[in-house]
Protein backbone atom coordinates (compact mmCIF):
# COMPACT_ATOMS: atom_id res chain seq x y z
CA MET A 1 -72.88 -45.20 152.72
CA VAL A 2 -69.14 -44.65 152.91
CA SER A 3 -67.60 -42.16 150.53
CA PRO A 4 -64.73 -43.70 148.54
CA SER A 5 -62.35 -40.98 149.72
CA SER A 6 -63.26 -41.07 153.40
CA GLN A 7 -61.20 -43.30 155.63
CA GLU A 8 -62.28 -42.09 159.04
CA VAL A 9 -65.21 -41.06 161.15
CA PHE A 10 -64.72 -38.14 163.52
CA ILE A 11 -66.66 -38.43 166.77
CA GLN A 12 -66.82 -34.88 168.06
CA GLY A 13 -67.15 -33.83 171.69
CA ILE A 14 -70.15 -31.67 170.82
CA THR A 15 -73.67 -32.99 171.30
CA LEU A 16 -76.36 -32.66 168.66
CA ALA A 17 -77.77 -29.88 170.88
CA GLY A 18 -74.45 -28.00 170.56
CA LYS A 19 -73.20 -28.55 174.12
CA THR A 20 -69.67 -29.63 175.06
CA PHE A 21 -69.66 -33.30 176.05
CA ARG A 22 -68.46 -34.17 179.54
CA PRO A 23 -66.38 -35.56 181.18
CA SER A 24 -63.52 -33.64 179.67
CA ASP A 25 -61.37 -36.77 179.24
CA TRP A 26 -64.03 -38.75 177.36
CA ALA A 27 -61.91 -39.00 174.18
CA GLU A 28 -58.91 -40.45 175.99
CA ARG A 29 -61.14 -42.90 177.87
CA LEU A 30 -62.86 -44.12 174.71
CA ALA A 31 -59.57 -44.48 172.83
CA GLY A 32 -58.05 -46.25 175.83
CA VAL A 33 -60.82 -48.85 175.83
CA MET A 34 -60.13 -49.45 172.13
CA SER A 35 -56.31 -49.68 172.52
CA SER A 36 -56.17 -53.46 172.06
CA PHE A 37 -57.75 -53.28 168.59
CA ARG A 38 -54.83 -52.72 166.24
CA PRO A 39 -53.18 -54.13 163.12
CA GLY A 40 -51.60 -57.45 164.03
CA GLY A 41 -53.67 -57.71 167.21
CA SER A 42 -52.60 -56.99 170.77
CA GLN A 43 -48.93 -57.33 171.61
CA PRO A 44 -47.25 -57.16 175.01
CA GLY A 45 -47.31 -53.53 176.11
CA SER A 46 -49.75 -52.42 173.41
CA HIS A 47 -52.23 -51.38 176.10
CA LEU A 48 -49.83 -48.51 176.83
CA SER A 49 -50.59 -46.76 173.54
CA TYR A 50 -53.68 -45.91 171.52
CA SER A 51 -54.74 -48.02 168.58
CA PRO A 52 -53.95 -46.36 165.26
CA TRP A 53 -57.60 -47.05 164.40
CA CYS A 54 -59.05 -45.04 167.30
CA VAL A 55 -57.12 -41.90 168.19
CA PRO A 56 -58.10 -39.03 170.47
CA THR A 57 -57.25 -35.54 169.22
CA VAL A 58 -58.33 -31.91 169.39
CA ILE A 59 -59.60 -30.21 166.24
CA ASN A 60 -60.35 -26.49 166.34
CA GLY A 61 -60.53 -26.64 170.14
CA THR A 62 -62.97 -29.57 170.18
CA LYS A 63 -62.04 -32.97 171.58
CA CYS A 64 -62.59 -35.70 169.01
CA VAL A 65 -61.88 -39.35 168.44
CA ILE A 66 -60.84 -40.31 164.93
CA VAL A 67 -62.01 -43.83 164.12
CA ASN A 68 -60.59 -45.50 161.02
CA TYR A 69 -62.86 -47.69 158.91
CA ALA A 70 -60.22 -50.45 159.18
CA LEU A 71 -61.56 -51.07 162.70
CA ARG A 72 -64.94 -52.01 161.24
CA ASP A 73 -63.33 -54.60 158.98
CA TYR A 74 -61.04 -55.96 161.71
CA GLU A 75 -63.58 -56.15 164.53
CA PRO A 76 -67.19 -55.19 163.75
CA MET A 77 -68.23 -55.38 167.41
CA ALA A 78 -65.55 -52.82 168.39
CA TRP A 79 -66.77 -50.57 165.56
CA ASP A 80 -70.34 -50.93 166.79
CA PHE A 81 -69.20 -50.07 170.32
CA VAL A 82 -67.68 -46.72 169.34
CA MET A 83 -70.55 -45.84 166.99
CA ASN A 84 -73.11 -46.74 169.67
CA PHE A 85 -71.17 -44.63 172.19
CA ALA A 86 -71.52 -41.66 169.86
CA ARG A 87 -75.21 -42.33 169.23
CA ASP A 88 -76.09 -43.02 172.88
CA ASN A 89 -74.43 -39.76 173.94
CA SER A 90 -75.89 -37.74 171.04
CA LEU A 91 -72.44 -36.78 169.78
CA GLN A 92 -71.86 -35.23 166.39
CA VAL A 93 -70.22 -37.61 163.92
CA ALA A 94 -68.63 -36.58 160.64
CA GLU A 95 -67.29 -38.78 157.89
CA ALA A 96 -63.97 -37.42 156.67
CA CYS A 97 -60.35 -38.05 155.98
CA LEU A 98 -57.34 -36.25 157.36
CA LEU A 99 -55.22 -34.64 154.71
CA PRO A 100 -51.48 -34.35 155.17
CA ASP A 101 -50.03 -30.91 155.75
CA PRO A 102 -48.84 -29.32 152.50
CA PRO A 103 -45.07 -29.34 152.01
CA ALA A 104 -43.25 -26.35 153.41
CA VAL A 105 -42.28 -23.79 150.81
CA ALA A 106 -38.70 -22.63 151.06
CA LYS A 107 -38.35 -18.88 151.38
CA PRO A 108 -35.88 -17.24 148.96
């Protein structure tokens, strides 16, 4: 069940056994495969950037792919693909949402 506040699933490059997932560029590869799934559909040149619904990143030194739930609504088979990738490779998955950085406080 999806929490009302969560908007994303984080696929982490750590297996359920606690090992770092290889190859080291797995996150970029997965996000690259998903690049055509985006709001408004594919446009010319859109294959040159990641989809906003499937973004590779590094969190606390761990490669991750952040998958937005909007992908599931837009294309359920693409959602199933990324979730099955995580399951088939025994990757840790966490439901979460990214919070914006707090505003900078001006120093007196």
